[in-house]
């Protein structure tokens, strides 16, 4: 078995760190506080956008999980009928 080169190790580490960041963003709740208008408007708008994006990603994740479970169930059914 060959070992990974230094640059491949770095790439793999970076990918895993980015995946961890994405997962944290998706699971960590976004708290909306502060004024809708006024001095903190940009911050508020950024949080609103992040909240919408997070809800969308969680919805897609749930749909993917349901599709995966459904496909696993059909595979198990087919295997049961074959055996």
PDB file of N, CA and C in Angstrom:
ATOM      1  N   UNK A   1       0.833  -1.186   0.000  1.00  0.00           N
ATOM      2  CA  UNK A   1       0.000   0.000   0.000  1.00  0.00           C
ATOM      3  C   UNK A   1       0.875   1.245   0.000  1.00  0.00           C
ATOM      4  N   UNK A   2       0.529   2.195  -0.828  1.00  0.00           N
ATOM      5  CA  UNK A   2       1.336   3.408  -0.921  1.00  0.00           C
ATOM      6  C   UNK A   2       0.807   4.459   0.048  1.00  0.00           C
ATOM      7  N   UNK A   3       1.728   5.308   0.457  1.00  0.00           N
ATOM      8  CA  UNK A   3       1.317   6.408   1.340  1.00  0.00           C
ATOM      9  C   UNK A   3       1.056   7.653   0.499  1.00  0.00           C
ATOM     10  N   UNK A   4       0.301   8.553   1.052  1.00  0.00           N
ATOM     11  CA  UNK A   4      -0.033   9.778   0.338  1.00  0.00           C
ATOM     12  C   UNK A   4       1.140  10.750   0.336  1.00  0.00           C
ATOM     13  N   UNK A   5       1.228  11.508  -0.747  1.00  0.00           N
ATOM     14  CA  UNK A   5       2.236  12.555  -0.802  1.00  0.00           C
ATOM     15  C   UNK A   5       1.813  13.692   0.118  1.00  0.00           C
ATOM     16  N   UNK A   6       2.794  14.542   0.419  1.00  0.00           N
ATOM     17  CA  UNK A   6       2.528  15.643   1.340  1.00  0.00           C
ATOM     18  C   UNK A   6       1.410  16.545   0.813  1.00  0.00           C
ATOM     19  N   UNK A   7       1.462  16.874  -0.490  1.00  0.00           N
ATOM     20  CA  UNK A   7       0.427  17.754  -1.041  1.00  0.00           C
ATOM     21  C   UNK A   7      -0.940  17.078  -1.048  1.00  0.00           C
ATOM     22  N   UNK A   8      -0.972  15.750  -1.239  1.00  0.00           N
ATOM     23  CA  UNK A   8      -2.251  15.039  -1.191  1.00  0.00           C
ATOM     24  C   UNK A   8      -2.827  15.033   0.219  1.00  0.00           C
ATOM     25  N   UNK A   9      -1.940  14.903   1.194  1.00  0.00           N
ATOM     26  CA  UNK A   9      -2.391  14.971   2.594  1.00  0.00           C
ATOM     27  C   UNK A   9      -2.992  16.344   2.894  1.00  0.00           C
ATOM     28  N   UNK A  10      -2.316  17.391   2.398  1.00  0.00           N
ATOM     29  CA  UNK A  10      -2.807  18.753   2.615  1.00  0.00           C
ATOM     30  C   UNK A  10      -4.168  18.946   1.955  1.00  0.00           C
ATOM     31  N   UNK A  11      -4.305  18.450   0.706  1.00  0.00           N
ATOM     32  CA  UNK A  11      -5.576  18.586   0.000  1.00  0.00           C
ATOM     33  C   UNK A  11      -6.687  17.864   0.757  1.00  0.00           C
ATOM     34  N   UNK A  12      -6.387  16.660   1.222  1.00  0.00           N
ATOM     35  CA  UNK A  12      -7.390  15.878   1.945  1.00  0.00           C
ATOM     36  C   UNK A  12      -7.798  16.581   3.236  1.00  0.00           C
ATOM     37  N   UNK A  13      -6.796  17.144   3.930  1.00  0.00           N
ATOM     38  CA  UNK A  13      -7.092  17.855   5.177  1.00  0.00           C
ATOM     39  C   UNK A  13      -7.960  19.081   4.905  1.00  0.00           C
ATOM     40  N   UNK A  14      -7.622  19.839   3.833  1.00  0.00           N
ATOM     41  CA  UNK A  14      -8.408  21.020   3.482  1.00  0.00           C
ATOM     42  C   UNK A  14      -9.846  20.642   3.143  1.00  0.00           C
ATOM     43  N   UNK A  15     -10.015  19.557   2.374  1.00  0.00           N
ATOM     44  CA  UNK A  15     -11.368  19.115   2.016  1.00  0.00           C
ATOM     45  C   UNK A  15     -12.174  18.753   3.255  1.00  0.00           C
ATOM     46  N   UNK A  16     -11.536  18.039   4.183  1.00  0.00           N
ATOM     47  CA  UNK A  16     -12.256  17.638   5.390  1.00  0.00           C
ATOM     48  C   UNK A  16     -12.611  18.856   6.247  1.00  0.00           C
ATOM     49  N   UNK A  17     -11.705  19.839   6.301  1.00  0.00           N
ATOM     50  CA  UNK A  17     -12.000  21.053   7.073  1.00  0.00           C
ATOM     51  C   UNK A  17     -13.154  21.829   6.446  1.00  0.00           C
ATOM     52  N   UNK A  18     -13.168  21.928   5.108  1.00  0.00           N
ATOM     53  CA  UNK A  18     -14.258  22.624   4.431  1.00  0.00           C
ATOM     54  C   UNK A  18     -15.578  21.901   4.637  1.00  0.00           C
ATOM     55  N   UNK A  19     -15.550  20.582   4.599  1.00  0.00           N
ATOM     56  CA  UNK A  19     -16.773  19.805   4.827  1.00  0.00           C
ATOM     57  C   UNK A  19     -17.277  20.037   6.249  1.00  0.00           C
ATOM     58  N   UNK A  20     -16.355  20.105   7.208  1.00  0.00           N
ATOM     59  CA  UNK A  20     -16.742  20.363   8.591  1.00  0.00           C
ATOM     60  C   UNK A  20     -17.364  21.747   8.735  1.00  0.00           C
ATOM     61  N   UNK A  21     -16.802  22.745   8.027  1.00  0.00           N
ATOM     62  CA  UNK A  21     -17.355  24.098   8.072  1.00  0.00           C
ATOM     63  C   UNK A  21     -18.774  24.122   7.502  1.00  0.00           C
ATOM     64  N   UNK A  22     -18.961  23.434   6.355  1.00  0.00           N
ATOM     65  CA  UNK A  22     -20.290  23.399   5.738  1.00  0.00           C
ATOM     66  C   UNK A  22     -21.296  22.731   6.666  1.00  0.00           C
ATOM     67  N   UNK A  23     -20.884  21.632   7.294  1.00  0.00           N
ATOM     68  CA  UNK A  23     -21.784  20.922   8.201  1.00  0.00           C
ATOM     69  C   UNK A  23     -22.136  21.798   9.406  1.00  0.00           C
ATOM     70  N   UNK A  24     -21.145  22.518   9.930  1.00  0.00           N
ATOM     71  CA  UNK A  24     -21.384  23.402  11.071  1.00  0.00           C
ATOM     72  C   UNK A  24     -22.355  24.515  10.689  1.00  0.00           C
ATOM     73  N   UNK A  25     -22.167  25.097   9.488  1.00  0.00           N
ATOM     74  CA  UNK A  25     -23.063  26.151   9.022  1.00  0.00           C
ATOM     75  C   UNK A  25     -24.485  25.634   8.891  1.00  0.00           C
ATOM     76  N   UNK A  26     -24.613  24.386   8.444  1.00  0.00           N
ATOM     77  CA  UNK A  26     -25.937  23.833   8.227  1.00  0.00           C
ATOM     78  C   UNK A  26     -26.643  23.501   9.546  1.00  0.00           C
ATOM     79  N   UNK A  27     -25.875  23.034  10.539  1.00  0.00           N
ATOM     80  CA  UNK A  27     -26.503  22.582  11.777  1.00  0.00           C
ATOM     81  C   UNK A  27     -26.614  23.673  12.841  1.00  0.00           C
ATOM     82  N   UNK A  28     -25.681  24.617  12.858  1.00  0.00           N
ATOM     83  CA  UNK A  28     -25.707  25.668  13.875  1.00  0.00           C
ATOM     84  C   UNK A  28     -26.837  26.654  13.582  1.00  0.00           C
ATOM     85  N   UNK A  29     -27.737  26.886  14.544  1.00  0.00           N
ATOM     86  CA  UNK A  29     -28.869  27.780  14.273  1.00  0.00           C
ATOM     87  C   UNK A  29     -28.448  29.236  14.098  1.00  0.00           C
ATOM     88  N   UNK A  30     -29.106  29.916  13.169  1.00  0.00           N
ATOM     89  CA  UNK A  30     -28.856  31.340  12.935  1.00  0.00           C
ATOM     90  C   UNK A  30     -29.843  32.122  13.789  1.00  0.00           C
ATOM     91  N   UNK A  31     -29.319  33.014  14.617  1.00  0.00           N
ATOM     92  CA  UNK A  31     -30.170  33.786  15.525  1.00  0.00           C
ATOM     93  C   UNK A  31     -30.367  35.176  14.941  1.00  0.00           C
ATOM     94  N   UNK A  32     -31.620  35.532  14.718  1.00  0.00           N
ATOM     95  CA  UNK A  32     -31.943  36.856  14.200  1.00  0.00           C
ATOM     96  C   UNK A  32     -32.244  37.786  15.367  1.00  0.00           C
ATOM     97  N   UNK A  33     -31.386  38.768  15.551  1.00  0.00           N
ATOM     98  CA  UNK A  33     -31.644  39.784  16.565  1.00  0.00           C
ATOM     99  C   UNK A  33     -31.173  41.127  16.016  1.00  0.00           C
ATOM    100  N   UNK A  34     -31.565  42.159  16.635  1.00  0.00           N
ATOM    101  CA  UNK A  34     -31.179  43.482  16.168  1.00  0.00           C
ATOM    102  C   UNK A  34     -32.257  44.096  15.300  1.00  0.00           C
ATOM    103  N   UNK A  35     -32.048  45.337  14.934  1.00  0.00           N
ATOM    104  CA  UNK A  35     -33.076  46.071  14.191  1.00  0.00           C
ATOM    105  C   UNK A  35     -33.183  45.648  12.727  1.00  0.00           C
ATOM    106  N   UNK A  36     -34.396  45.698  12.239  1.00  0.00           N
ATOM    107  CA  UNK A  36     -34.629  45.434  10.823  1.00  0.00           C
ATOM    108  C   UNK A  36     -34.200  46.660  10.015  1.00  0.00           C
ATOM    109  N   UNK A  37     -34.319  47.809  10.619  1.00  0.00           N
ATOM    110  CA  UNK A  37     -33.925  49.066   9.978  1.00  0.00           C
ATOM    111  C   UNK A  37     -32.890  49.759  10.862  1.00  0.00           C
ATOM    112  N   UNK A  38     -32.084  50.597  10.253  1.00  0.00           N
ATOM    113  CA  UNK A  38     -31.155  51.394  11.039  1.00  0.00           C
ATOM    114  C   UNK A  38     -29.709  50.957  10.872  1.00  0.00           C
ATOM    115  N   UNK A  39     -28.935  51.185  11.937  1.00  0.00           N
ATOM    116  CA  UNK A  39     -27.492  50.990  11.887  1.00  0.00           C
ATOM    117  C   UNK A  39     -27.084  49.544  11.578  1.00  0.00           C
ATOM    118  N   UNK A  40     -27.757  48.569  12.157  1.00  0.00           N
ATOM    119  CA  UNK A  40     -27.363  47.169  11.978  1.00  0.00           C
ATOM    120  C   UNK A  40     -28.099  46.461  10.853  1.00  0.00           C
ATOM    121  N   UNK A  41     -28.590  47.212   9.903  1.00  0.00           N
ATOM    122  CA  UNK A  41     -29.397  46.628   8.823  1.00  0.00           C
ATOM    123  C   UNK A  41     -28.613  45.621   7.980  1.00  0.00           C
ATOM    124  N   UNK A  42     -27.387  45.940   7.621  1.00  0.00           N
ATOM    125  CA  UNK A  42     -26.588  45.031   6.788  1.00  0.00           C
ATOM    126  C   UNK A  42     -26.371  43.702   7.485  1.00  0.00           C
ATOM    127  N   UNK A  43     -26.038  43.767   8.762  1.00  0.00           N
ATOM    128  CA  UNK A  43     -25.830  42.550   9.544  1.00  0.00           C
ATOM    129  C   UNK A  43     -27.109  41.739   9.591  1.00  0.00           C
ATOM    130  N   UNK A  44     -28.220  42.414   9.818  1.00  0.00           N
ATOM    131  CA  UNK A  44     -29.514  41.736   9.897  1.00  0.00           C
ATOM    132  C   UNK A  44     -29.843  41.069   8.563  1.00  0.00           C
ATOM    133  N   UNK A  45     -29.637  41.793   7.468  1.00  0.00           N
ATOM    134  CA  UNK A  45     -29.930  41.250   6.138  1.00  0.00           C
ATOM    135  C   UNK A  45     -29.051  40.039   5.842  1.00  0.00           C
ATOM    136  N   UNK A  46     -27.790  40.103   6.241  1.00  0.00           N
ATOM    137  CA  UNK A  46     -26.869  38.990   6.044  1.00  0.00           C
ATOM    138  C   UNK A  46     -27.349  37.747   6.795  1.00  0.00           C
ATOM    139  N   UNK A  47     -27.833  37.971   8.021  1.00  0.00           N
ATOM    140  CA  UNK A  47     -28.334  36.853   8.830  1.00  0.00           C
ATOM    141  C   UNK A  47     -29.615  36.277   8.238  1.00  0.00           C
ATOM    142  N   UNK A  48     -30.483  37.144   7.723  1.00  0.00           N
ATOM    143  CA  UNK A  48     -31.723  36.676   7.094  1.00  0.00           C
ATOM    144  C   UNK A  48     -31.385  35.796   5.895  1.00  0.00           C
ATOM    145  N   UNK A  49     -30.441  36.254   5.087  1.00  0.00           N
ATOM    146  CA  UNK A  49     -30.017  35.498   3.908  1.00  0.00           C
ATOM    147  C   UNK A  49     -29.409  34.155   4.325  1.00  0.00           C
ATOM    148  N   UNK A  50     -28.587  34.172   5.373  1.00  0.00           N
ATOM    149  CA  UNK A  50     -27.969  32.938   5.871  1.00  0.00           C
ATOM    150  C   UNK A  50     -29.033  31.976   6.382  1.00  0.00           C
ATOM    151  N   UNK A  51     -30.057  32.512   7.047  1.00  0.00           N
ATOM    152  CA  UNK A  51     -31.131  31.679   7.571  1.00  0.00           C
ATOM    153  C   UNK A  51     -31.902  31.001   6.436  1.00  0.00           C
ATOM    154  N   UNK A  52     -32.220  31.756   5.398  1.00  0.00           N
ATOM    155  CA  UNK A  52     -32.924  31.187   4.251  1.00  0.00           C
ATOM    156  C   UNK A  52     -32.087  30.106   3.568  1.00  0.00           C
ATOM    157  N   UNK A  53     -30.804  30.383   3.417  1.00  0.00           N
ATOM    158  CA  UNK A  53     -29.896  29.434   2.782  1.00  0.00           C
ATOM    159  C   UNK A  53     -29.803  28.155   3.627  1.00  0.00           C
ATOM    160  N   UNK A  54     -29.737  28.322   4.942  1.00  0.00           N
ATOM    161  CA  UNK A  54     -29.640  27.183   5.844  1.00  0.00           C
ATOM    162  C   UNK A  54     -30.904  26.323   5.774  1.00  0.00           C
ATOM    163  N   UNK A  55     -32.059  26.951   5.775  1.00  0.00           N
ATOM    164  CA  UNK A  55     -33.311  26.208   5.683  1.00  0.00           C
ATOM    165  C   UNK A  55     -33.376  25.416   4.381  1.00  0.00           C
ATOM    166  N   UNK A  56     -32.933  26.048   3.301  1.00  0.00           N
ATOM    167  CA  UNK A  56     -32.930  25.374   1.999  1.00  0.00           C
ATOM    168  C   UNK A  56     -32.001  24.164   2.003  1.00  0.00           C
ATOM    169  N   UNK A  57     -30.814  24.327   2.582  1.00  0.00           N
ATOM    170  CA  UNK A  57     -29.860  23.220   2.603  1.00  0.00           C
ATOM    171  C   UNK A  57     -30.361  22.088   3.494  1.00  0.00           C
ATOM    172  N   UNK A  58     -31.012  22.415   4.606  1.00  0.00           N
ATOM    173  CA  UNK A  58     -31.566  21.374   5.473  1.00  0.00           C
ATOM    174  C   UNK A  58     -32.689  20.623   4.776  1.00  0.00           C
ATOM    175  N   UNK A  59     -33.500  21.345   4.000  1.00  0.00           N
ATOM    176  CA  UNK A  59     -34.587  20.722   3.247  1.00  0.00           C
ATOM    177  C   UNK A  59     -34.022  19.746   2.209  1.00  0.00           C
ATOM    178  N   UNK A  60     -33.001  20.183   1.476  1.00  0.00           N
ATOM    179  CA  UNK A  60     -32.371  19.320   0.478  1.00  0.00           C
ATOM    180  C   UNK A  60     -31.756  18.088   1.134  1.00  0.00           C
ATOM    181  N   UNK A  61     -31.140  18.285   2.306  1.00  0.00           N
ATOM    182  CA  UNK A  61     -30.528  17.168   3.023  1.00  0.00           C
ATOM    183  C   UNK A  61     -31.584  16.138   3.406  1.00  0.00           C
ATOM    184  N   UNK A  62     -32.729  16.626   3.937  1.00  0.00           N
ATOM    185  CA  UNK A  62     -33.814  15.711   4.309  1.00  0.00           C
ATOM    186  C   UNK A  62     -34.321  14.938   3.090  1.00  0.00           C
ATOM    187  N   UNK A  63     -34.474  15.636   1.954  1.00  0.00           N
ATOM    188  CA  UNK A  63     -34.934  14.980   0.736  1.00  0.00           C
ATOM    189  C   UNK A  63     -33.943  13.911   0.266  1.00  0.00           C
ATOM    190  N   UNK A  64     -32.646  14.229   0.348  1.00  0.00           N
ATOM    191  CA  UNK A  64     -31.628  13.244  -0.045  1.00  0.00           C
ATOM    192  C   UNK A  64     -31.685  12.018   0.857  1.00  0.00           C
ATOM    193  N   UNK A  65     -31.840  12.256   2.170  1.00  0.00           N
ATOM    194  CA  UNK A  65     -31.917  11.141   3.124  1.00  0.00           C
ATOM    195  C   UNK A  65     -33.138  10.259   2.840  1.00  0.00           C
ATOM    196  N   UNK A  66     -34.273  10.895   2.575  1.00  0.00           N
ATOM    197  CA  UNK A  66     -35.484  10.130   2.273  1.00  0.00           C
ATOM    198  C   UNK A  66     -35.301   9.304   1.005  1.00  0.00           C
ATOM    199  N   UNK A  67     -34.688   9.900  -0.011  1.00  0.00           N
ATOM    200  CA  UNK A  67     -34.447   9.182  -1.262  1.00  0.00           C
ATOM    201  C   UNK A  67     -33.494   8.014  -1.029  1.00  0.00           C
ATOM    202  N   UNK A  68     -32.492   8.227  -0.214  1.00  0.00           N
ATOM    203  CA  UNK A  68     -31.529   7.163   0.091  1.00  0.00           C
ATOM    204  C   UNK A  68     -32.198   6.017   0.833  1.00  0.00           C
ATOM    205  N   UNK A  69     -33.025   6.351   1.822  1.00  0.00           N
ATOM    206  CA  UNK A  69     -33.734   5.315   2.580  1.00  0.00           C
ATOM    207  C   UNK A  69     -34.690   4.546   1.686  1.00  0.00           C
ATOM    208  N   UNK A  70     -35.364   5.294   0.791  1.00  0.00           N
ATOM    209  CA  UNK A  70     -36.302   4.658  -0.126  1.00  0.00           C
ATOM    210  C   UNK A  70     -35.573   3.690  -1.051  1.00  0.00           C
ATOM    211  N   UNK A  71     -34.423   4.109  -1.563  1.00  0.00           N
ATOM    212  CA  UNK A  71     -33.664   3.246  -2.470  1.00  0.00           C
ATOM    213  C   UNK A  71     -33.109   2.035  -1.726  1.00  0.00           C
ATOM    214  N   UNK A  72     -32.698   2.214  -0.475  1.00  0.00           N
ATOM    215  CA  UNK A  72     -32.224   1.081   0.323  1.00  0.00           C
ATOM    216  C   UNK A  72     -33.353   0.100   0.575  1.00  0.00           C
ATOM    217  N   UNK A  73     -34.546   0.618   0.837  1.00  0.00           N
ATOM    218  CA  UNK A  73     -35.690  -0.246   1.091  1.00  0.00           C
ATOM    219  C   UNK A  73     -36.029  -1.067  -0.151  1.00  0.00           C
ATOM    220  N   UNK A  74     -35.965  -0.463  -1.335  1.00  0.00           N
ATOM    221  CA  UNK A  74     -36.268  -1.197  -2.560  1.00  0.00           C
ATOM    222  C   UNK A  74     -35.203  -2.244  -2.839  1.00  0.00           C
ATOM    223  N   UNK A  75     -33.943  -1.937  -2.540  1.00  0.00           N
ATOM    224  CA  UNK A  75     -32.868  -2.908  -2.741  1.00  0.00           C
ATOM    225  C   UNK A  75     -33.072  -4.095  -1.810  1.00  0.00           C
ATOM    226  N   UNK A  76     -33.446  -3.837  -0.568  1.00  0.00           N
ATOM    227  CA  UNK A  76     -33.680  -4.915   0.391  1.00  0.00           C
ATOM    228  C   UNK A  76     -34.862  -5.760  -0.063  1.00  0.00           C
ATOM    229  N   UNK A  77     -35.924  -5.118  -0.565  1.00  0.00           N
ATOM    230  CA  UNK A  77     -37.085  -5.847  -1.067  1.00  0.00           C
ATOM    231  C   UNK A  77     -36.710  -6.746  -2.230  1.00  0.00           C
ATOM    232  N   UNK A  78     -35.931  -6.210  -3.159  1.00  0.00           N
ATOM    233  CA  UNK A  78     -35.519  -6.984  -4.334  1.00  0.00           C
ATOM    234  C   UNK A  78     -34.658  -8.155  -3.894  1.00  0.00           C
ATOM    235  N   UNK A  79     -33.740  -7.952  -2.967  1.00  0.00           N
ATOM    236  CA  UNK A  79     -32.895  -9.027  -2.476  1.00  0.00           C
ATOM    237  C   UNK A  79     -33.719 -10.087  -1.776  1.00  0.00           C
ATOM    238  N   UNK A  80     -34.742  -9.666  -1.041  1.00  0.00           N
ATOM    239  CA  UNK A  80     -35.596 -10.614  -0.324  1.00  0.00           C
ATOM    240  C   UNK A  80     -36.385 -11.480  -1.313  1.00  0.00           C
ATOM    241  N   UNK A  81     -36.843 -10.896  -2.414  1.00  0.00           N
ATOM    242  CA  UNK A  81     -37.603 -11.663  -3.397  1.00  0.00           C
ATOM    243  C   UNK A  81     -36.696 -12.591  -4.189  1.00  0.00           C
ATOM    244  N   UNK A  82     -35.444 -12.205  -4.406  1.00  0.00           N
ATOM    245  CA  UNK A  82     -34.498 -13.032  -5.159  1.00  0.00           C
ATOM    246  C   UNK A  82     -34.062 -14.225  -4.335  1.00  0.00           C
ATOM    247  N   UNK A  83     -33.845 -14.032  -3.060  1.00  0.00           N
ATOM    248  CA  UNK A  83     -33.352 -15.103  -2.178  1.00  0.00           C
ATOM    249  C   UNK A  83     -34.420 -16.029  -1.794  1.00  0.00           C
TER     250      UNK A  83
END
